[in-house]
Amino acid sequence: MASHGTETAEASAGAGFVFKWSKEQTATFIKMRGDNESLFTGAKFSAAIAWRTVLEDMGLQGSVTPLQAKKKWDNLKKRYKDCKYPGGHATAKFSSGGPRGGRGRGSG
């Protein structure tokens, strides 16, 4: 029978395992993302490497994938904007102004 070490956790993380974030972990995650801002350069694969660094520093490698970390960050940003700009005012700047504006990647 397989052990419950890093290999099992990595397999679980990659197979649709959903990690349950505590409030403390989320706060640390936000701080670590800010502390590592310089790693998120926009260069190809830089974000995946940067998320991996954040997860390793938090001791979450194997429990959370870099893709899951990115999704967590995107959801946190969306929730922040939804709270800061109730009623969808935050996304208005992303629309093109036309009748089809806002249907692309930046909307919603």
PDB file of N, CA and C in Angstrom:
ATOM      1  N   MET A   1       0.845  -1.179   0.000  1.00  0.00           N
ATOM      2  CA  MET A   1       0.000   0.000   0.000  1.00  0.00           C
ATOM      3  C   MET A   1       0.883   1.234   0.000  1.00  0.00           C
ATOM      4  N   ALA A   2       0.495   2.290  -0.706  1.00  0.00           N
ATOM      5  CA  ALA A   2       1.317   3.505  -0.839  1.00  0.00           C
ATOM      6  C   ALA A   2       1.361   4.275   0.467  1.00  0.00           C
ATOM      7  N   SER A   3       2.516   4.890   0.712  1.00  0.00           N
ATOM      8  CA  SER A   3       2.646   5.722   1.912  1.00  0.00           C
ATOM      9  C   SER A   3       1.934   7.047   1.690  1.00  0.00           C
ATOM     10  N   HIS A   4       1.717   7.779   2.768  1.00  0.00           N
ATOM     11  CA  HIS A   4       1.047   9.068   2.674  1.00  0.00           C
ATOM     12  C   HIS A   4       2.073  10.195   2.652  1.00  0.00           C
ATOM     13  N   GLY A   5       3.143  10.022   1.931  1.00  0.00           N
ATOM     14  CA  GLY A   5       4.196  11.027   1.827  1.00  0.00           C
ATOM     15  C   GLY A   5       3.917  12.012   0.720  1.00  0.00           C
ATOM     16  N   THR A   6       4.957  12.686   0.306  1.00  0.00           N
ATOM     17  CA  THR A   6       4.847  13.733  -0.701  1.00  0.00           C
ATOM     18  C   THR A   6       4.313  13.201  -2.024  1.00  0.00           C
ATOM     19  N   GLU A   7       4.747  12.013  -2.441  1.00  0.00           N
ATOM     20  CA  GLU A   7       4.283  11.473  -3.715  1.00  0.00           C
ATOM     21  C   GLU A   7       2.773  11.314  -3.731  1.00  0.00           C
ATOM     22  N   THR A   8       2.213  10.798  -2.657  1.00  0.00           N
ATOM     23  CA  THR A   8       0.771  10.607  -2.578  1.00  0.00           C
ATOM     24  C   THR A   8       0.061  11.945  -2.589  1.00  0.00           C
ATOM     25  N   ALA A   9       0.583  12.915  -1.859  1.00  0.00           N
ATOM     26  CA  ALA A   9      -0.030  14.236  -1.821  1.00  0.00           C
ATOM     27  C   ALA A   9       0.033  14.901  -3.188  1.00  0.00           C
ATOM     28  N   GLU A  10       1.173  14.755  -3.891  1.00  0.00           N
ATOM     29  CA  GLU A  10       1.288  15.336  -5.219  1.00  0.00           C
ATOM     30  C   GLU A  10       0.322  14.683  -6.182  1.00  0.00           C
ATOM     31  N   ALA A  11       0.174  13.384  -6.091  1.00  0.00           N
ATOM     32  CA  ALA A  11      -0.768  12.680  -6.955  1.00  0.00           C
ATOM     33  C   ALA A  11      -2.183  13.150  -6.650  1.00  0.00           C
ATOM     34  N   SER A  12      -2.500  13.336  -5.378  1.00  0.00           N
ATOM     35  CA  SER A  12      -3.820  13.818  -4.996  1.00  0.00           C
ATOM     36  C   SER A  12      -4.052  15.226  -5.502  1.00  0.00           C
ATOM     37  N   ALA A  13      -3.042  16.095  -5.372  1.00  0.00           N
ATOM     38  CA  ALA A  13      -3.186  17.475  -5.811  1.00  0.00           C
ATOM     39  C   ALA A  13      -3.434  17.537  -7.310  1.00  0.00           C
ATOM     40  N   GLY A  14      -2.790  16.679  -8.057  1.00  0.00           N
ATOM     41  CA  GLY A  14      -2.951  16.680  -9.497  1.00  0.00           C
ATOM     42  C   GLY A  14      -4.222  15.986  -9.956  1.00  0.00           C
ATOM     43  N   ALA A  15      -4.863  15.223  -9.088  1.00  0.00           N
ATOM     44  CA  ALA A  15      -6.029  14.442  -9.483  1.00  0.00           C
ATOM     45  C   ALA A  15      -7.333  15.066  -9.011  1.00  0.00           C
ATOM     46  N   GLY A  16      -7.360  16.381  -8.893  1.00  0.00           N
ATOM     47  CA  GLY A  16      -8.588  17.061  -8.520  1.00  0.00           C
ATOM     48  C   GLY A  16      -8.791  17.213  -7.020  1.00  0.00           C
ATOM     49  N   PHE A  17      -7.788  16.909  -6.222  1.00  0.00           N
ATOM     50  CA  PHE A  17      -7.862  17.103  -4.782  1.00  0.00           C
ATOM     51  C   PHE A  17      -8.040  18.587  -4.490  1.00  0.00           C
ATOM     52  N   VAL A  18      -8.984  18.929  -3.618  1.00  0.00           N
ATOM     53  CA  VAL A  18      -9.222  20.329  -3.266  1.00  0.00           C
ATOM     54  C   VAL A  18      -8.685  20.578  -1.869  1.00  0.00           C
ATOM     55  N   PHE A  19      -7.689  21.423  -1.792  1.00  0.00           N
ATOM     56  CA  PHE A  19      -7.082  21.784  -0.524  1.00  0.00           C
ATOM     57  C   PHE A  19      -7.979  22.793   0.179  1.00  0.00           C
ATOM     58  N   LYS A  20      -8.239  22.599   1.454  1.00  0.00           N
ATOM     59  CA  LYS A  20      -9.065  23.519   2.241  1.00  0.00           C
ATOM     60  C   LYS A  20      -8.146  24.517   2.939  1.00  0.00           C
ATOM     61  N   TRP A  21      -8.210  25.771   2.519  1.00  0.00           N
ATOM     62  CA  TRP A  21      -7.358  26.821   3.061  1.00  0.00           C
ATOM     63  C   TRP A  21      -7.940  27.350   4.365  1.00  0.00           C
ATOM     64  N   SER A  22      -7.098  27.464   5.392  1.00  0.00           N
ATOM     65  CA  SER A  22      -7.523  28.119   6.626  1.00  0.00           C
ATOM     66  C   SER A  22      -7.367  29.627   6.432  1.00  0.00           C
ATOM     67  N   LYS A  23      -7.957  30.404   7.326  1.00  0.00           N
ATOM     68  CA  LYS A  23      -7.804  31.864   7.251  1.00  0.00           C
ATOM     69  C   LYS A  23      -6.346  32.264   7.419  1.00  0.00           C
ATOM     70  N   GLU A  24      -5.641  31.568   8.300  1.00  0.00           N
ATOM     71  CA  GLU A  24      -4.231  31.869   8.532  1.00  0.00           C
ATOM     72  C   GLU A  24      -3.390  31.556   7.302  1.00  0.00           C
ATOM     73  N   GLN A  25      -3.678  30.429   6.660  1.00  0.00           N
ATOM     74  CA  GLN A  25      -2.943  30.062   5.443  1.00  0.00           C
ATOM     75  C   GLN A  25      -3.224  31.056   4.320  1.00  0.00           C
ATOM     76  N   THR A  26      -4.471  31.494   4.213  1.00  0.00           N
ATOM     77  CA  THR A  26      -4.823  32.471   3.183  1.00  0.00           C
ATOM     78  C   THR A  26      -4.102  33.789   3.431  1.00  0.00           C
ATOM     79  N   ALA A  27      -4.055  34.230   4.680  1.00  0.00           N
ATOM     80  CA  ALA A  27      -3.343  35.470   5.007  1.00  0.00           C
ATOM     81  C   ALA A  27      -1.850  35.339   4.701  1.00  0.00           C
ATOM     82  N   THR A  28      -1.273  34.197   5.041  1.00  0.00           N
ATOM     83  CA  THR A  28       0.140  33.949   4.742  1.00  0.00           C
ATOM     84  C   THR A  28       0.356  33.906   3.241  1.00  0.00           C
ATOM     85  N   PHE A  29      -0.554  33.277   2.522  1.00  0.00           N
ATOM     86  CA  PHE A  29      -0.484  33.178   1.061  1.00  0.00           C
ATOM     87  C   PHE A  29      -0.453  34.572   0.431  1.00  0.00           C
ATOM     88  N   ILE A  30      -1.325  35.452   0.884  1.00  0.00           N
ATOM     89  CA  ILE A  30      -1.376  36.824   0.368  1.00  0.00           C
ATOM     90  C   ILE A  30      -0.064  37.549   0.671  1.00  0.00           C
ATOM     91  N   LYS A  31       0.436  37.397   1.886  1.00  0.00           N
ATOM     92  CA  LYS A  31       1.693  38.048   2.267  1.00  0.00           C
ATOM     93  C   LYS A  31       2.857  37.508   1.444  1.00  0.00           C
ATOM     94  N   MET A  32       2.909  36.191   1.278  1.00  0.00           N
ATOM     95  CA  MET A  32       3.993  35.575   0.515  1.00  0.00           C
ATOM     96  C   MET A  32       3.947  36.012  -0.951  1.00  0.00           C
ATOM     97  N   ARG A  33       2.745  36.155  -1.504  1.00  0.00           N
ATOM     98  CA  ARG A  33       2.616  36.620  -2.893  1.00  0.00           C
ATOM     99  C   ARG A  33       3.181  38.033  -3.012  1.00  0.00           C
ATOM    100  N   GLY A  34       2.866  38.881  -2.046  1.00  0.00           N
ATOM    101  CA  GLY A  34       3.400  40.238  -2.053  1.00  0.00           C
ATOM    102  C   GLY A  34       4.906  40.266  -1.861  1.00  0.00           C
ATOM    103  N   ASP A  35       5.392  39.455  -0.945  1.00  0.00           N
ATOM    104  CA  ASP A  35       6.835  39.394  -0.679  1.00  0.00           C
ATOM    105  C   ASP A  35       7.622  38.899  -1.892  1.00  0.00           C
ATOM    106  N   ASN A  36       6.975  38.095  -2.735  1.00  0.00           N
ATOM    107  CA  ASN A  36       7.639  37.509  -3.905  1.00  0.00           C
ATOM    108  C   ASN A  36       7.206  38.163  -5.211  1.00  0.00           C
ATOM    109  N   GLU A  37       6.702  39.376  -5.145  1.00  0.00           N
ATOM    110  CA  GLU A  37       6.223  40.094  -6.329  1.00  0.00           C
ATOM    111  C   GLU A  37       7.260  40.099  -7.454  1.00  0.00           C
ATOM    112  N   SER A  38       8.527  40.230  -7.108  1.00  0.00           N
ATOM    113  CA  SER A  38       9.584  40.317  -8.121  1.00  0.00           C
ATOM    114  C   SER A  38       9.733  39.036  -8.944  1.00  0.00           C
ATOM    115  N   LEU A  39       9.220  37.914  -8.438  1.00  0.00           N
ATOM    116  CA  LEU A  39       9.307  36.648  -9.172  1.00  0.00           C
ATOM    117  C   LEU A  39       8.258  36.557 -10.283  1.00  0.00           C
ATOM    118  N   PHE A  40       7.192  37.343 -10.161  1.00  0.00           N
ATOM    119  CA  PHE A  40       6.103  37.315 -11.133  1.00  0.00           C
ATOM    120  C   PHE A  40       6.392  38.351 -12.220  1.00  0.00           C
ATOM    121  N   THR A  41       7.307  38.003 -13.116  1.00  0.00           N
ATOM    122  CA  THR A  41       7.831  38.958 -14.091  1.00  0.00           C
ATOM    123  C   THR A  41       7.005  39.052 -15.358  1.00  0.00           C
ATOM    124  N   GLY A  42       6.166  38.089 -15.617  1.00  0.00           N
ATOM    125  CA  GLY A  42       5.423  38.046 -16.866  1.00  0.00           C
ATOM    126  C   GLY A  42       6.138  37.244 -17.939  1.00  0.00           C
ATOM    127  N   ALA A  43       7.380  36.861 -17.674  1.00  0.00           N
ATOM    128  CA  ALA A  43       8.114  36.028 -18.622  1.00  0.00           C
ATOM    129  C   ALA A  43       7.491  34.632 -18.656  1.00  0.00           C
ATOM    130  N   LYS A  44       7.711  33.938 -19.750  1.00  0.00           N
ATOM    131  CA  LYS A  44       7.132  32.600 -19.929  1.00  0.00           C
ATOM    132  C   LYS A  44       7.507  31.694 -18.752  1.00  0.00           C
ATOM    133  N   PHE A  45       6.537  31.061 -18.172  1.00  0.00           N
ATOM    134  CA  PHE A  45       6.664  30.113 -17.053  1.00  0.00           C
ATOM    135  C   PHE A  45       7.099  30.761 -15.733  1.00  0.00           C
ATOM    136  N   SER A  46       7.280  32.082 -15.689  1.00  0.00           N
ATOM    137  CA  SER A  46       7.735  32.709 -14.446  1.00  0.00           C
ATOM    138  C   SER A  46       6.698  32.569 -13.334  1.00  0.00           C
ATOM    139  N   ALA A  47       5.421  32.666 -13.676  1.00  0.00           N
ATOM    140  CA  ALA A  47       4.386  32.575 -12.646  1.00  0.00           C
ATOM    141  C   ALA A  47       4.343  31.188 -12.028  1.00  0.00           C
ATOM    142  N   ALA A  48       4.458  30.145 -12.843  1.00  0.00           N
ATOM    143  CA  ALA A  48       4.431  28.775 -12.309  1.00  0.00           C
ATOM    144  C   ALA A  48       5.606  28.557 -11.358  1.00  0.00           C
ATOM    145  N   ILE A  49       6.772  29.057 -11.749  1.00  0.00           N
ATOM    146  CA  ILE A  49       7.955  28.933 -10.895  1.00  0.00           C
ATOM    147  C   ILE A  49       7.764  29.752  -9.619  1.00  0.00           C
ATOM    148  N   ALA A  50       7.207  30.945  -9.761  1.00  0.00           N
ATOM    149  CA  ALA A  50       6.985  31.805  -8.596  1.00  0.00           C
ATOM    150  C   ALA A  50       5.971  31.177  -7.636  1.00  0.00           C
ATOM    151  N   TRP A  51       4.868  30.631  -8.172  1.00  0.00           N
ATOM    152  CA  TRP A  51       3.882  29.980  -7.310  1.00  0.00           C
ATOM    153  C   TRP A  51       4.497  28.778  -6.609  1.00  0.00           C
ATOM    154  N   ARG A  52       5.341  28.037  -7.327  1.00  0.00           N
ATOM    155  CA  ARG A  52       6.012  26.884  -6.724  1.00  0.00           C
ATOM    156  C   ARG A  52       6.868  27.348  -5.539  1.00  0.00           C
ATOM    157  N   THR A  53       7.564  28.472  -5.704  1.00  0.00           N
ATOM    158  CA  THR A  53       8.391  29.029  -4.623  1.00  0.00           C
ATOM    159  C   THR A  53       7.531  29.404  -3.423  1.00  0.00           C
ATOM    160  N   VAL A  54       6.412  30.070  -3.671  1.00  0.00           N
ATOM    161  CA  VAL A  54       5.503  30.458  -2.582  1.00  0.00           C
ATOM    162  C   VAL A  54       5.005  29.211  -1.847  1.00  0.00           C
ATOM    163  N   LEU A  55       4.587  28.201  -2.604  1.00  0.00           N
ATOM    164  CA  LEU A  55       4.070  26.977  -1.991  1.00  0.00           C
ATOM    165  C   LEU A  55       5.136  26.251  -1.193  1.00  0.00           C
ATOM    166  N   GLU A  56       6.360  26.207  -1.714  1.00  0.00           N
ATOM    167  CA  GLU A  56       7.461  25.576  -0.977  1.00  0.00           C
ATOM    168  C   GLU A  56       7.736  26.326   0.323  1.00  0.00           C
ATOM    169  N   ASP A  57       7.763  27.663   0.256  1.00  0.00           N
ATOM    170  CA  ASP A  57       8.010  28.469   1.457  1.00  0.00           C
ATOM    171  C   ASP A  57       6.920  28.266   2.505  1.00  0.00           C
ATOM    172  N   MET A  58       5.701  27.992   2.047  1.00  0.00           N
ATOM    173  CA  MET A  58       4.587  27.756   2.965  1.00  0.00           C
ATOM    174  C   MET A  58       4.506  26.296   3.413  1.00  0.00           C
ATOM    175  N   GLY A  59       5.293  25.424   2.794  1.00  0.00           N
ATOM    176  CA  GLY A  59       5.228  24.004   3.124  1.00  0.00           C
ATOM    177  C   GLY A  59       4.026  23.311   2.501  1.00  0.00           C
ATOM    178  N   LEU A  60       3.501  23.876   1.415  1.00  0.00           N
ATOM    179  CA  LEU A  60       2.299  23.324   0.789  1.00  0.00           C
ATOM    180  C   LEU A  60       2.573  22.612  -0.527  1.00  0.00           C
ATOM    181  N   GLN A  61       3.850  22.524  -0.940  1.00  0.00           N
ATOM    182  CA  GLN A  61       4.142  21.787  -2.164  1.00  0.00           C
ATOM    183  C   GLN A  61       3.675  20.360  -1.962  1.00  0.00           C
ATOM    184  N   GLY A  62       3.031  19.812  -2.957  1.00  0.00           N
ATOM    185  CA  GLY A  62       2.475  18.469  -2.827  1.00  0.00           C
ATOM    186  C   GLY A  62       1.023  18.477  -2.381  1.00  0.00           C
ATOM    187  N   SER A  63       0.602  19.538  -1.711  1.00  0.00           N
ATOM    188  CA  SER A  63      -0.802  19.662  -1.321  1.00  0.00           C
ATOM    189  C   SER A  63      -1.560  20.590  -2.255  1.00  0.00           C
ATOM    190  N   VAL A  64      -0.844  21.571  -2.814  1.00  0.00           N
ATOM    191  CA  VAL A  64      -1.434  22.559  -3.706  1.00  0.00           C
ATOM    192  C   VAL A  64      -0.518  22.672  -4.922  1.00  0.00           C
ATOM    193  N   THR A  65      -1.084  22.633  -6.115  1.00  0.00           N
ATOM    194  CA  THR A  65      -0.290  22.787  -7.328  1.00  0.00           C
ATOM    195  C   THR A  65      -0.134  24.274  -7.652  1.00  0.00           C
ATOM    196  N   PRO A  66       0.863  24.629  -8.451  1.00  0.00           N
ATOM    197  CA  PRO A  66       0.982  26.034  -8.878  1.00  0.00           C
ATOM    198  C   PRO A  66      -0.284  26.539  -9.580  1.00  0.00           C
ATOM    199  N   LEU A  67      -0.947  25.690 -10.356  1.00  0.00           N
ATOM    200  CA  LEU A  67      -2.186  26.095 -11.011  1.00  0.00           C
ATOM    201  C   LEU A  67      -3.280  26.380  -9.983  1.00  0.00           C
ATOM    202  N   GLN A  68      -3.374  25.545  -8.958  1.00  0.00           N
ATOM    203  CA  GLN A  68      -4.360  25.788  -7.899  1.00  0.00           C
ATOM    204  C   GLN A  68      -4.043  27.084  -7.157  1.00  0.00           C
ATOM    205  N   ALA A  69      -2.752  27.363  -6.946  1.00  0.00           N
ATOM    206  CA  ALA A  69      -2.353  28.609  -6.284  1.00  0.00           C
ATOM    207  C   ALA A  69      -2.762  29.812  -7.127  1.00  0.00           C
ATOM    208  N   LYS A  70      -2.549  29.719  -8.444  1.00  0.00           N
ATOM    209  CA  LYS A  70      -2.937  30.811  -9.340  1.00  0.00           C
ATOM    210  C   LYS A  70      -4.446  31.038  -9.275  1.00  0.00           C
ATOM    211  N   LYS A  71      -5.211  29.943  -9.291  1.00  0.00           N
ATOM    212  CA  LYS A  71      -6.669  30.066  -9.222  1.00  0.00           C
ATOM    213  C   LYS A  71      -7.099  30.683  -7.885  1.00  0.00           C
ATOM    214  N   LYS A  72      -6.437  30.282  -6.813  1.00  0.00           N
ATOM    215  CA  LYS A  72      -6.728  30.861  -5.496  1.00  0.00           C
ATOM    216  C   LYS A  72      -6.469  32.361  -5.533  1.00  0.00           C
ATOM    217  N   TRP A  73      -5.335  32.772  -6.097  1.00  0.00           N
ATOM    218  CA  TRP A  73      -4.984  34.189  -6.176  1.00  0.00           C
ATOM    219  C   TRP A  73      -6.008  34.952  -7.028  1.00  0.00           C
ATOM    220  N   ASP A  74      -6.377  34.386  -8.179  1.00  0.00           N
ATOM    221  CA  ASP A  74      -7.359  35.033  -9.044  1.00  0.00           C
ATOM    222  C   ASP A  74      -8.698  35.190  -8.331  1.00  0.00           C
ATOM    223  N   ASN A  75      -9.118  34.168  -7.594  1.00  0.00           N
ATOM    224  CA  ASN A  75     -10.380  34.249  -6.847  1.00  0.00           C
ATOM    225  C   ASN A  75     -10.302  35.287  -5.735  1.00  0.00           C
ATOM    226  N   LEU A  76      -9.160  35.372  -5.056  1.00  0.00           N
ATOM    227  CA  LEU A  76      -8.996  36.383  -4.011  1.00  0.00           C
ATOM    228  C   LEU A  76      -9.066  37.786  -4.603  1.00  0.00           C
ATOM    229  N   LYS A  77      -8.424  37.994  -5.752  1.00  0.00           N
ATOM    230  CA  LYS A  77      -8.479  39.302  -6.406  1.00  0.00           C
ATOM    231  C   LYS A  77      -9.906  39.646  -6.814  1.00  0.00           C
ATOM    232  N   LYS A  78     -10.615  38.667  -7.356  1.00  0.00           N
ATOM    233  CA  LYS A  78     -11.994  38.903  -7.776  1.00  0.00           C
ATOM    234  C   LYS A  78     -12.871  39.257  -6.579  1.00  0.00           C
ATOM    235  N   ARG A  79     -12.728  38.515  -5.498  1.00  0.00           N
ATOM    236  CA  ARG A  79     -13.524  38.791  -4.305  1.00  0.00           C
ATOM    237  C   ARG A  79     -13.188  40.164  -3.735  1.00  0.00           C
ATOM    238  N   TYR A  80     -11.909  40.541  -3.777  1.00  0.00           N
ATOM    239  CA  TYR A  80     -11.495  41.861  -3.306  1.00  0.00           C
ATOM    240  C   TYR A  80     -12.169  42.951  -4.148  1.00  0.00           C
ATOM    241  N   LYS A  81     -12.112  42.797  -5.473  1.00  0.00           N
ATOM    242  CA  LYS A  81     -12.719  43.792  -6.361  1.00  0.00           C
ATOM    243  C   LYS A  81     -14.230  43.849  -6.169  1.00  0.00           C
ATOM    244  N   ASP A  82     -14.866  42.679  -5.965  1.00  0.00           N
ATOM    245  CA  ASP A  82     -16.307  42.637  -5.745  1.00  0.00           C
ATOM    246  C   ASP A  82     -16.688  43.378  -4.464  1.00  0.00           C
ATOM    247  N   CYS A  83     -15.840  43.289  -3.440  1.00  0.00           N
ATOM    248  CA  CYS A  83     -16.105  43.994  -2.183  1.00  0.00           C
ATOM    249  C   CYS A  83     -15.812  45.483  -2.310  1.00  0.00           C
ATOM    250  N   LYS A  84     -14.719  45.802  -2.990  1.00  0.00           N
ATOM    251  CA  LYS A  84     -14.292  47.196  -3.120  1.00  0.00           C
ATOM    252  C   LYS A  84     -15.212  47.964  -4.066  1.00  0.00           C
ATOM    253  N   TYR A  85     -15.684  47.291  -5.113  1.00  0.00           N
ATOM    254  CA  TYR A  85     -16.538  47.928  -6.110  1.00  0.00           C
ATOM    255  C   TYR A  85     -17.827  47.135  -6.280  1.00  0.00           C
ATOM    256  N   PRO A  86     -18.747  47.220  -5.302  1.00  0.00           N
ATOM    257  CA  PRO A  86     -20.001  46.464  -5.416  1.00  0.00           C
ATOM    258  C   PRO A  86     -20.786  46.902  -6.654  1.00  0.00           C
ATOM    259  N   GLY A  87     -21.445  45.967  -7.275  1.00  0.00           N
ATOM    260  CA  GLY A  87     -22.251  46.273  -8.447  1.00  0.00           C
ATOM    261  C   GLY A  87     -21.501  46.160  -9.753  1.00  0.00           C
ATOM    262  N   GLY A  88     -20.271  45.654  -9.729  1.00  0.00           N
ATOM    263  CA  GLY A  88     -19.542  45.409 -10.960  1.00  0.00           C
ATOM    264  C   GLY A  88     -18.792  46.588 -11.525  1.00  0.00           C
ATOM    265  N   HIS A  89     -18.601  47.670 -10.760  1.00  0.00           N
ATOM    266  CA  HIS A  89     -17.895  48.848 -11.268  1.00  0.00           C
ATOM    267  C   HIS A  89     -16.434  48.571 -11.573  1.00  0.00           C
ATOM    268  N   ALA A  90     -15.850  47.548 -10.967  1.00  0.00           N
ATOM    269  CA  ALA A  90     -14.433  47.240 -11.188  1.00  0.00           C
ATOM    270  C   ALA A  90     -14.183  46.733 -12.595  1.00  0.00           C
ATOM    271  N   THR A  91     -15.165  46.072 -13.207  1.00  0.00           N
ATOM    272  CA  THR A  91     -14.942  45.497 -14.528  1.00  0.00           C
ATOM    273  C   THR A  91     -15.265  46.477 -15.643  1.00  0.00           C
ATOM    274  N   ALA A  92     -15.877  47.610 -15.340  1.00  0.00           N
ATOM    275  CA  ALA A  92     -16.237  48.564 -16.379  1.00  0.00           C
ATOM    276  C   ALA A  92     -15.013  49.033 -17.154  1.00  0.00           C
ATOM    277  N   LYS A  93     -13.897  49.178 -16.498  1.00  0.00           N
ATOM    278  CA  LYS A  93     -12.696  49.663 -17.179  1.00  0.00           C
ATOM    279  C   LYS A  93     -12.149  48.646 -18.180  1.00  0.00           C
ATOM    280  N   PHE A  94     -12.590  47.381 -18.120  1.00  0.00           N
ATOM    281  CA  PHE A  94     -12.093  46.353 -19.022  1.00  0.00           C
ATOM    282  C   PHE A  94     -12.942  46.228 -20.287  1.00  0.00           C
ATOM    283  N   SER A  95     -14.117  46.832 -20.305  1.00  0.00           N
ATOM    284  CA  SER A  95     -14.967  46.682 -21.478  1.00  0.00           C
ATOM    285  C   SER A  95     -14.560  47.677 -22.553  1.00  0.00           C
ATOM    286  N   SER A  96     -14.908  47.375 -23.785  1.00  0.00           N
ATOM    287  CA  SER A  96     -14.543  48.235 -24.903  1.00  0.00           C
ATOM    288  C   SER A  96     -15.565  49.332 -25.123  1.00  0.00           C
ATOM    289  N   GLY A  97     -16.674  49.291 -24.410  1.00  0.00           N
ATOM    290  CA  GLY A  97     -17.677  50.338 -24.524  1.00  0.00           C
ATOM    291  C   GLY A  97     -18.775  50.001 -25.529  1.00  0.00           C
ATOM    292  N   GLY A  98     -18.531  49.086 -26.436  1.00  0.00           N
ATOM    293  CA  GLY A  98     -19.530  48.703 -27.441  1.00  0.00           C
ATOM    294  C   GLY A  98     -20.535  47.725 -26.872  1.00  0.00           C
ATOM    295  N   PRO A  99     -21.522  47.372 -27.662  1.00  0.00           N
ATOM    296  CA  PRO A  99     -22.549  46.434 -27.179  1.00  0.00           C
ATOM    297  C   PRO A  99     -22.001  45.059 -26.858  1.00  0.00           C
ATOM    298  N   ARG A 100     -20.848  44.704 -27.439  1.00  0.00           N
ATOM    299  CA  ARG A 100     -20.240  43.419 -27.151  1.00  0.00           C
ATOM    300  C   ARG A 100     -19.097  43.556 -26.159  1.00  0.00           C
ATOM    301  N   GLY A 101     -18.854  44.738 -25.660  1.00  0.00           N
ATOM    302  CA  GLY A 101     -17.747  44.979 -24.743  1.00  0.00           C
ATOM    303  C   GLY A 101     -17.868  44.164 -23.476  1.00  0.00           C
ATOM    304  N   GLY A 102     -16.740  43.731 -22.937  1.00  0.00           N
ATOM    305  CA  GLY A 102     -16.723  43.000 -21.674  1.00  0.00           C
ATOM    306  C   GLY A 102     -16.954  41.519 -21.810  1.00  0.00           C
ATOM    307  N   ARG A 103     -17.051  40.989 -23.012  1.00  0.00           N
ATOM    308  CA  ARG A 103     -17.274  39.547 -23.164  1.00  0.00           C
ATOM    309  C   ARG A 103     -15.984  38.764 -23.265  1.00  0.00           C
ATOM    310  N   GLY A 104     -14.863  39.444 -23.287  1.00  0.00           N
ATOM    311  CA  GLY A 104     -13.565  38.767 -23.422  1.00  0.00           C
ATOM    312  C   GLY A 104     -13.017  38.313 -22.108  1.00  0.00           C
ATOM    313  N   ARG A 105     -11.697  38.088 -22.047  1.00  0.00           N
ATOM    314  CA  ARG A 105     -11.039  37.524 -20.884  1.00  0.00           C
ATOM    315  C   ARG A 105     -11.144  38.410 -19.652  1.00  0.00           C
ATOM    316  N   GLY A 106     -11.083  39.731 -19.801  1.00  0.00           N
ATOM    317  CA  GLY A 106     -11.038  40.611 -18.636  1.00  0.00           C
ATOM    318  C   GLY A 106     -12.364  40.869 -17.984  1.00  0.00           C
ATOM    319  N   SER A 107     -13.445  40.399 -18.532  1.00  0.00           N
ATOM    320  CA  SER A 107     -14.757  40.720 -17.970  1.00  0.00           C
ATOM    321  C   SER A 107     -15.131  39.769 -16.858  1.00  0.00           C
ATOM    322  N   GLY A 108     -16.077  40.258 -16.037  1.00  0.00           N
ATOM    323  CA  GLY A 108     -16.669  39.400 -15.018  1.00  0.00           C
ATOM    324  C   GLY A 108     -15.872  39.295 -13.868  1.00  0.00           C
TER     325      GLY A 108
END
